[in-house]
Amino acid sequence: LITPLIMPFSFSFRIVSISTVFVNKKLLSELNLDAPMFIAFYQTVISALICCVMKILSKLYPERIRFPESKPFHLETIKNVLPLSVMFLTMIVTNNLCLKYVSVAFYYIGRSLTTIFNVVFTFLILGEKTSAKCIFCCCLIIFGFYLGVDQENISGSLSISGTIFGVLGSLSLSLYSIFTKRVLPKLNQEVWLLSYYNNIYASIMLVPTIILAGEVHEILHYGELFTSYFWMMMTIGG
């Protein structure tokens, strides 16, 4: 009974996820704007605003929309969620930097390592063992990653920086997924709430990062900063 409902959602999620990668690739590589931290900042702001809209709509139409009560700046909330938000921010930044330096195809090769890190950290942190079949599949993934790097090297398009950021992105995504299991119970399993908090905290942490990375000058001198096309692409990515 549930499967027919899940399958369309899963398909839609994949379409949106893949489309977003291509939009981000365009933002990071084709717009001549060297400001990946600013792009990440705008994306987290958009995500936080979506949650804010949901929160407002839940008060206007409580019979149709539900959004949990939130206290993003409560000391206990910050204590529980901020460490996970740091991992969330690391995941976003490293994935964007990876996508900036490598092709979309190689980006997905790098992201495949998330499965490897999931198996390793699930054992080291959660103490859960895995099957021999799963370990065999992990070996195949590692071999596939090696082939991908080798082919990029042969073609002359291998980016060491992009590869490192890809590995770090997979690692941070894996740690984020695992630590989410520990944080969600403290938020009554409210995924919307976790998303809201993560994006608020990430947006705040990205402001000094943008300044330290020297992106303010780059942003102010970007020729298409005030064009509707640029902000439309940025908003779609967000």
C-alpha atoms as a PDB file:
ATOM      1  CA  LEU A   1       0.000   0.000   0.000  1.00  0.00           C
ATOM      2  CA  ILE A   2       2.836   2.408   0.853  1.00  0.00           C
ATOM      3  CA  THR A   3       5.136   1.481  -2.058  1.00  0.00           C
ATOM      4  CA  PRO A   4       3.020   3.202  -4.793  1.00  0.00           C
ATOM      5  CA  LEU A   5       3.192   6.402  -2.717  1.00  0.00           C
ATOM      6  CA  ILE A   6       6.942   6.201  -2.095  1.00  0.00           C
ATOM      7  CA  MET A   7       8.040   5.473  -5.670  1.00  0.00           C
ATOM      8  CA  PRO A   8       6.805   8.772  -7.254  1.00  0.00           C
ATOM      9  CA  PHE A   9       8.353  10.712  -4.356  1.00  0.00           C
ATOM     10  CA  SER A  10      11.673   8.877  -4.763  1.00  0.00           C
ATOM     11  CA  PHE A  11      11.669   9.534  -8.506  1.00  0.00           C
ATOM     12  CA  SER A  12      10.859  13.235  -7.984  1.00  0.00           C
ATOM     13  CA  PHE A  13      13.620  13.502  -5.386  1.00  0.00           C
ATOM     14  CA  ARG A  14      16.165  12.070  -7.831  1.00  0.00           C
ATOM     15  CA  ILE A  15      15.079  14.463 -10.595  1.00  0.00           C
ATOM     16  CA  VAL A  16      15.334  17.489  -8.290  1.00  0.00           C
ATOM     17  CA  SER A  17      18.637  16.304  -6.818  1.00  0.00           C
ATOM     18  CA  ILE A  18      20.296  15.737 -10.204  1.00  0.00           C
ATOM     19  CA  SER A  19      18.905  18.993 -11.633  1.00  0.00           C
ATOM     20  CA  THR A  20      20.254  20.937  -8.651  1.00  0.00           C
ATOM     21  CA  VAL A  21      23.743  19.538  -9.251  1.00  0.00           C
ATOM     22  CA  PHE A  22      23.717  20.871 -12.818  1.00  0.00           C
ATOM     23  CA  VAL A  23      22.413  24.262 -11.653  1.00  0.00           C
ATOM     24  CA  ASN A  24      25.162  24.443  -9.024  1.00  0.00           C
ATOM     25  CA  LYS A  25      27.784  23.442 -11.580  1.00  0.00           C
ATOM     26  CA  LYS A  26      26.687  26.352 -13.763  1.00  0.00           C
ATOM     27  CA  LEU A  27      26.769  28.743 -10.813  1.00  0.00           C
ATOM     28  CA  LEU A  28      30.204  27.590  -9.668  1.00  0.00           C
ATOM     29  CA  SER A  29      31.968  27.159 -13.014  1.00  0.00           C
ATOM     30  CA  GLU A  30      30.280  29.139 -15.781  1.00  0.00           C
ATOM     31  CA  LEU A  31      29.288  32.511 -14.326  1.00  0.00           C
ATOM     32  CA  ASN A  32      32.821  33.864 -13.806  1.00  0.00           C
ATOM     33  CA  LEU A  33      32.034  34.480 -10.151  1.00  0.00           C
ATOM     34  CA  ASP A  34      34.723  33.067  -7.886  1.00  0.00           C
ATOM     35  CA  ALA A  35      32.639  33.139  -4.710  1.00  0.00           C
ATOM     36  CA  PRO A  36      31.634  29.585  -3.684  1.00  0.00           C
ATOM     37  CA  MET A  37      31.079  30.622  -0.052  1.00  0.00           C
ATOM     38  CA  PHE A  38      28.654  33.353  -1.090  1.00  0.00           C
ATOM     39  CA  ILE A  39      26.746  30.887  -3.287  1.00  0.00           C
ATOM     40  CA  ALA A  40      26.547  28.441  -0.357  1.00  0.00           C
ATOM     41  CA  PHE A  41      25.411  31.317   1.917  1.00  0.00           C
ATOM     42  CA  TYR A  42      22.587  32.291  -0.446  1.00  0.00           C
ATOM     43  CA  GLN A  43      21.481  28.652  -0.689  1.00  0.00           C
ATOM     44  CA  THR A  44      21.259  28.250   3.090  1.00  0.00           C
ATOM     45  CA  VAL A  45      19.377  31.565   3.373  1.00  0.00           C
ATOM     46  CA  ILE A  46      16.834  30.408   0.776  1.00  0.00           C
ATOM     47  CA  SER A  47      16.395  27.098   2.617  1.00  0.00           C
ATOM     48  CA  ALA A  48      15.909  28.903   5.939  1.00  0.00           C
ATOM     49  CA  LEU A  49      13.354  31.237   4.302  1.00  0.00           C
ATOM     50  CA  ILE A  50      11.411  28.242   2.947  1.00  0.00           C
ATOM     51  CA  CYS A  51      11.193  26.915   6.499  1.00  0.00           C
ATOM     52  CA  CYS A  52      10.085  30.360   7.732  1.00  0.00           C
ATOM     53  CA  VAL A  53       7.323  30.444   5.137  1.00  0.00           C
ATOM     54  CA  MET A  54       6.211  26.963   6.193  1.00  0.00           C
ATOM     55  CA  LYS A  55       6.192  28.124   9.802  1.00  0.00           C
ATOM     56  CA  ILE A  56       3.996  31.136   8.972  1.00  0.00           C
ATOM     57  CA  LEU A  57       1.637  29.073   6.816  1.00  0.00           C
ATOM     58  CA  SER A  58       1.275  26.504   9.603  1.00  0.00           C
ATOM     59  CA  LYS A  59      -0.089  29.262  11.845  1.00  0.00           C
ATOM     60  CA  LEU A  60      -2.422  30.592   9.166  1.00  0.00           C
ATOM     61  CA  TYR A  61      -3.636  27.168   8.017  1.00  0.00           C
ATOM     62  CA  PRO A  62      -3.018  24.788  10.945  1.00  0.00           C
ATOM     63  CA  GLU A  63      -5.545  22.269   9.600  1.00  0.00           C
ATOM     64  CA  ARG A  64      -3.534  21.843   6.358  1.00  0.00           C
ATOM     65  CA  ILE A  65       0.100  22.604   7.172  1.00  0.00           C
ATOM     66  CA  ARG A  66       2.098  21.612  10.237  1.00  0.00           C
ATOM     67  CA  PHE A  67       5.434  23.047  11.289  1.00  0.00           C
ATOM     68  CA  PRO A  68       6.873  22.289  14.737  1.00  0.00           C
ATOM     69  CA  GLU A  69       7.436  25.006  17.311  1.00  0.00           C
ATOM     70  CA  SER A  70      10.964  26.334  16.953  1.00  0.00           C
ATOM     71  CA  LYS A  71      13.444  28.195  19.163  1.00  0.00           C
ATOM     72  CA  PRO A  72      16.592  28.531  17.029  1.00  0.00           C
ATOM     73  CA  PHE A  73      18.377  30.871  19.451  1.00  0.00           C
ATOM     74  CA  HIS A  74      17.527  29.012  22.630  1.00  0.00           C
ATOM     75  CA  LEU A  75      20.722  28.001  24.458  1.00  0.00           C
ATOM     76  CA  GLU A  76      19.717  24.331  24.731  1.00  0.00           C
ATOM     77  CA  THR A  77      18.864  24.201  21.023  1.00  0.00           C
ATOM     78  CA  ILE A  78      22.219  25.711  20.042  1.00  0.00           C
ATOM     79  CA  LYS A  79      24.026  23.266  22.319  1.00  0.00           C
ATOM     80  CA  ASN A  80      22.265  20.266  20.766  1.00  0.00           C
ATOM     81  CA  VAL A  81      22.282  21.264  17.093  1.00  0.00           C
ATOM     82  CA  LEU A  82      25.304  23.531  16.488  1.00  0.00           C
ATOM     83  CA  PRO A  83      27.910  20.701  16.289  1.00  0.00           C
ATOM     84  CA  LEU A  84      25.759  18.990  13.651  1.00  0.00           C
ATOM     85  CA  SER A  85      25.316  22.320  11.845  1.00  0.00           C
ATOM     86  CA  VAL A  86      29.096  22.652  11.595  1.00  0.00           C
ATOM     87  CA  MET A  87      29.156  19.252   9.870  1.00  0.00           C
ATOM     88  CA  PHE A  88      26.233  20.358   7.697  1.00  0.00           C
ATOM     89  CA  LEU A  89      28.149  23.485   6.663  1.00  0.00           C
ATOM     90  CA  THR A  90      31.299  21.469   5.948  1.00  0.00           C
ATOM     91  CA  MET A  91      29.254  19.122   3.757  1.00  0.00           C
ATOM     92  CA  ILE A  92      27.772  21.989   1.708  1.00  0.00           C
ATOM     93  CA  VAL A  93      31.058  23.886   1.268  1.00  0.00           C
ATOM     94  CA  THR A  94      33.181  20.855   0.321  1.00  0.00           C
ATOM     95  CA  ASN A  95      30.553  19.594  -2.128  1.00  0.00           C
ATOM     96  CA  ASN A  96      30.343  23.010  -3.793  1.00  0.00           C
ATOM     97  CA  LEU A  97      34.135  23.298  -3.999  1.00  0.00           C
ATOM     98  CA  CYS A  98      34.354  19.790  -5.477  1.00  0.00           C
ATOM     99  CA  LEU A  99      31.746  20.668  -8.085  1.00  0.00           C
ATOM    100  CA  LYS A 100      33.633  23.861  -8.900  1.00  0.00           C
ATOM    101  CA  TYR A 101      36.816  22.011  -9.871  1.00  0.00           C
ATOM    102  CA  VAL A 102      35.578  18.744 -11.429  1.00  0.00           C
ATOM    103  CA  SER A 103      33.016  17.603 -13.992  1.00  0.00           C
ATOM    104  CA  VAL A 104      29.539  16.478 -12.922  1.00  0.00           C
ATOM    105  CA  ALA A 105      30.414  12.888 -13.882  1.00  0.00           C
ATOM    106  CA  PHE A 106      33.511  12.818 -11.676  1.00  0.00           C
ATOM    107  CA  TYR A 107      31.602  14.623  -8.921  1.00  0.00           C
ATOM    108  CA  TYR A 108      29.267  11.633  -8.675  1.00  0.00           C
ATOM    109  CA  ILE A 109      32.264   9.278  -8.635  1.00  0.00           C
ATOM    110  CA  GLY A 110      33.628  11.196  -5.658  1.00  0.00           C
ATOM    111  CA  ARG A 111      30.245  11.179  -3.919  1.00  0.00           C
ATOM    112  CA  SER A 112      30.118   7.376  -4.217  1.00  0.00           C
ATOM    113  CA  LEU A 113      32.668   7.207  -1.396  1.00  0.00           C
ATOM    114  CA  THR A 114      29.895   8.212   1.014  1.00  0.00           C
ATOM    115  CA  THR A 115      28.856   4.550   1.123  1.00  0.00           C
ATOM    116  CA  ILE A 116      32.379   3.549   2.188  1.00  0.00           C
ATOM    117  CA  PHE A 117      32.490   6.134   4.961  1.00  0.00           C
ATOM    118  CA  ASN A 118      28.982   5.132   6.084  1.00  0.00           C
ATOM    119  CA  VAL A 119      30.110   1.540   6.618  1.00  0.00           C
ATOM    120  CA  VAL A 120      33.325   2.584   8.414  1.00  0.00           C
ATOM    121  CA  PHE A 121      31.756   5.207  10.696  1.00  0.00           C
ATOM    122  CA  THR A 122      28.697   3.088  11.438  1.00  0.00           C
ATOM    123  CA  PHE A 123      31.080   0.501  12.855  1.00  0.00           C
ATOM    124  CA  LEU A 124      33.443   2.946  14.634  1.00  0.00           C
ATOM    125  CA  ILE A 125      30.796   5.309  16.054  1.00  0.00           C
ATOM    126  CA  LEU A 126      27.601   3.271  16.345  1.00  0.00           C
ATOM    127  CA  GLY A 127      29.250  -0.130  16.823  1.00  0.00           C
ATOM    128  CA  GLU A 128      27.109  -1.748  14.128  1.00  0.00           C
ATOM    129  CA  LYS A 129      28.742  -4.459  12.015  1.00  0.00           C
ATOM    130  CA  THR A 130      28.057  -5.024   8.334  1.00  0.00           C
ATOM    131  CA  SER A 131      27.840  -8.089   6.103  1.00  0.00           C
ATOM    132  CA  ALA A 132      30.558  -9.603   3.920  1.00  0.00           C
ATOM    133  CA  LYS A 133      28.438  -8.817   0.836  1.00  0.00           C
ATOM    134  CA  CYS A 134      28.343  -5.149   1.801  1.00  0.00           C
ATOM    135  CA  ILE A 135      32.127  -5.078   2.280  1.00  0.00           C
ATOM    136  CA  PHE A 136      32.552  -6.687  -1.150  1.00  0.00           C
ATOM    137  CA  CYS A 137      30.376  -3.945  -2.685  1.00  0.00           C
ATOM    138  CA  CYS A 138      32.491  -1.331  -0.908  1.00  0.00           C
ATOM    139  CA  CYS A 139      35.608  -2.818  -2.501  1.00  0.00           C
ATOM    140  CA  LEU A 140      33.954  -2.486  -5.914  1.00  0.00           C
ATOM    141  CA  ILE A 141      33.174   1.176  -5.184  1.00  0.00           C
ATOM    142  CA  ILE A 142      36.785   1.854  -4.178  1.00  0.00           C
ATOM    143  CA  PHE A 143      37.985   0.161  -7.370  1.00  0.00           C
ATOM    144  CA  GLY A 144      35.525   2.267  -9.403  1.00  0.00           C
ATOM    145  CA  PHE A 145      36.781   5.437  -7.700  1.00  0.00           C
ATOM    146  CA  TYR A 146      40.370   4.465  -8.541  1.00  0.00           C
ATOM    147  CA  LEU A 147      39.405   3.922 -12.196  1.00  0.00           C
ATOM    148  CA  GLY A 148      37.647   7.289 -12.295  1.00  0.00           C
ATOM    149  CA  VAL A 149      40.699   9.099 -10.915  1.00  0.00           C
ATOM    150  CA  ASP A 150      42.971   7.196 -13.301  1.00  0.00           C
ATOM    151  CA  GLN A 151      40.863   8.097 -16.342  1.00  0.00           C
ATOM    152  CA  GLU A 152      40.684  11.749 -15.312  1.00  0.00           C
ATOM    153  CA  ASN A 153      44.477  11.714 -14.954  1.00  0.00           C
ATOM    154  CA  ILE A 154      44.963  10.137 -18.397  1.00  0.00           C
ATOM    155  CA  SER A 155      42.650  12.677 -20.034  1.00  0.00           C
ATOM    156  CA  GLY A 156      44.565  15.495 -18.321  1.00  0.00           C
ATOM    157  CA  SER A 157      41.495  16.859 -16.534  1.00  0.00           C
ATOM    158  CA  LEU A 158      42.273  15.531 -13.046  1.00  0.00           C
ATOM    159  CA  SER A 159      41.934  18.203 -10.376  1.00  0.00           C
ATOM    160  CA  ILE A 160      43.726  17.312  -7.155  1.00  0.00           C
ATOM    161  CA  SER A 161      41.838  20.018  -5.270  1.00  0.00           C
ATOM    162  CA  GLY A 162      38.512  18.803  -6.658  1.00  0.00           C
ATOM    163  CA  THR A 163      39.332  15.183  -5.741  1.00  0.00           C
ATOM    164  CA  ILE A 164      40.300  16.130  -2.183  1.00  0.00           C
ATOM    165  CA  PHE A 165      37.141  18.212  -1.741  1.00  0.00           C
ATOM    166  CA  GLY A 166      35.120  15.309  -3.166  1.00  0.00           C
ATOM    167  CA  VAL A 167      36.558  12.906  -0.593  1.00  0.00           C
ATOM    168  CA  LEU A 168      35.996  15.442   2.205  1.00  0.00           C
ATOM    169  CA  GLY A 169      32.447  16.010   0.958  1.00  0.00           C
ATOM    170  CA  SER A 170      31.681  12.297   1.094  1.00  0.00           C
ATOM    171  CA  LEU A 171      33.262  12.032   4.540  1.00  0.00           C
ATOM    172  CA  SER A 172      31.324  14.984   5.959  1.00  0.00           C
ATOM    173  CA  LEU A 173      28.055  13.764   4.399  1.00  0.00           C
ATOM    174  CA  SER A 174      28.557  10.371   6.037  1.00  0.00           C
ATOM    175  CA  LEU A 175      29.319  11.894   9.450  1.00  0.00           C
ATOM    176  CA  TYR A 176      26.345  14.239   9.091  1.00  0.00           C
ATOM    177  CA  SER A 177      24.015  11.318   8.383  1.00  0.00           C
ATOM    178  CA  ILE A 178      25.298   9.355  11.368  1.00  0.00           C
ATOM    179  CA  PHE A 179      25.210  12.227  13.861  1.00  0.00           C
ATOM    180  CA  THR A 180      21.735  13.179  12.634  1.00  0.00           C
ATOM    181  CA  LYS A 181      20.563   9.921  14.231  1.00  0.00           C
ATOM    182  CA  ARG A 182      21.769  11.268  17.584  1.00  0.00           C
ATOM    183  CA  VAL A 183      20.354  14.783  17.238  1.00  0.00           C
ATOM    184  CA  LEU A 184      16.887  14.042  15.811  1.00  0.00           C
ATOM    185  CA  PRO A 185      15.589  12.370  19.021  1.00  0.00           C
ATOM    186  CA  LYS A 186      16.383  15.622  20.862  1.00  0.00           C
ATOM    187  CA  LEU A 187      14.110  17.425  18.370  1.00  0.00           C
ATOM    188  CA  ASN A 188      11.294  14.884  18.617  1.00  0.00           C
ATOM    189  CA  GLN A 189      12.307  13.410  15.238  1.00  0.00           C
ATOM    190  CA  GLU A 190      11.288  16.654  13.498  1.00  0.00           C
ATOM    191  CA  VAL A 191      13.246  16.767  10.225  1.00  0.00           C
ATOM    192  CA  TRP A 192      11.790  20.164   9.256  1.00  0.00           C
ATOM    193  CA  LEU A 193      13.031  21.586  12.542  1.00  0.00           C
ATOM    194  CA  LEU A 194      16.529  20.209  12.014  1.00  0.00           C
ATOM    195  CA  SER A 195      16.634  21.667   8.504  1.00  0.00           C
ATOM    196  CA  TYR A 196      15.481  25.040   9.826  1.00  0.00           C
ATOM    197  CA  TYR A 197      18.119  25.176  12.551  1.00  0.00           C
ATOM    198  CA  ASN A 198      20.925  23.887  10.328  1.00  0.00           C
ATOM    199  CA  ASN A 199      20.317  26.491   7.635  1.00  0.00           C
ATOM    200  CA  ILE A 200      20.031  29.372  10.109  1.00  0.00           C
ATOM    201  CA  TYR A 201      23.273  28.439  11.860  1.00  0.00           C
ATOM    202  CA  ALA A 202      25.070  27.725   8.580  1.00  0.00           C
ATOM    203  CA  SER A 203      24.013  31.126   7.168  1.00  0.00           C
ATOM    204  CA  ILE A 204      25.415  32.896  10.234  1.00  0.00           C
ATOM    205  CA  MET A 205      28.696  30.943  10.154  1.00  0.00           C
ATOM    206  CA  LEU A 206      29.162  31.624   6.435  1.00  0.00           C
ATOM    207  CA  VAL A 207      29.181  35.424   6.838  1.00  0.00           C
ATOM    208  CA  PRO A 208      32.690  35.614   8.404  1.00  0.00           C
ATOM    209  CA  THR A 209      33.815  32.855   6.030  1.00  0.00           C
ATOM    210  CA  ILE A 210      32.853  35.013   3.031  1.00  0.00           C
ATOM    211  CA  ILE A 211      34.812  37.939   4.474  1.00  0.00           C
ATOM    212  CA  LEU A 212      37.898  35.861   5.331  1.00  0.00           C
ATOM    213  CA  ALA A 213      37.884  34.234   1.890  1.00  0.00           C
ATOM    214  CA  GLY A 214      38.056  37.686   0.291  1.00  0.00           C
ATOM    215  CA  GLU A 215      34.833  37.177  -1.653  1.00  0.00           C
ATOM    216  CA  VAL A 216      33.277  40.580  -0.838  1.00  0.00           C
ATOM    217  CA  HIS A 217      35.436  42.331  -3.443  1.00  0.00           C
ATOM    218  CA  GLU A 218      34.663  39.590  -5.983  1.00  0.00           C
ATOM    219  CA  ILE A 219      30.907  39.930  -5.395  1.00  0.00           C
ATOM    220  CA  LEU A 220      30.835  43.737  -5.585  1.00  0.00           C
ATOM    221  CA  HIS A 221      32.789  43.758  -8.855  1.00  0.00           C
ATOM    222  CA  TYR A 222      30.794  41.000 -10.529  1.00  0.00           C
ATOM    223  CA  GLY A 223      29.376  42.396 -13.773  1.00  0.00           C
ATOM    224  CA  GLU A 224      26.059  40.504 -13.672  1.00  0.00           C
ATOM    225  CA  LEU A 225      25.345  40.986  -9.976  1.00  0.00           C
ATOM    226  CA  PHE A 226      22.153  42.951 -10.610  1.00  0.00           C
ATOM    227  CA  THR A 227      20.757  40.862 -13.462  1.00  0.00           C
ATOM    228  CA  SER A 228      17.543  38.914 -13.005  1.00  0.00           C
ATOM    229  CA  TYR A 229      19.062  35.814 -14.668  1.00  0.00           C
ATOM    230  CA  PHE A 230      21.827  35.572 -12.039  1.00  0.00           C
ATOM    231  CA  TRP A 231      19.421  35.791  -9.099  1.00  0.00           C
ATOM    232  CA  MET A 232      16.973  33.407 -10.749  1.00  0.00           C
ATOM    233  CA  MET A 233      19.742  30.782 -11.078  1.00  0.00           C
ATOM    234  CA  MET A 234      20.897  31.446  -7.518  1.00  0.00           C
ATOM    235  CA  THR A 235      17.363  31.051  -6.185  1.00  0.00           C
ATOM    236  CA  ILE A 236      16.745  27.825  -8.113  1.00  0.00           C
ATOM    237  CA  GLY A 237      19.996  26.446  -6.679  1.00  0.00           C
ATOM    238  CA  GLY A 238      18.860  27.456  -3.202  1.00  0.00           C
END
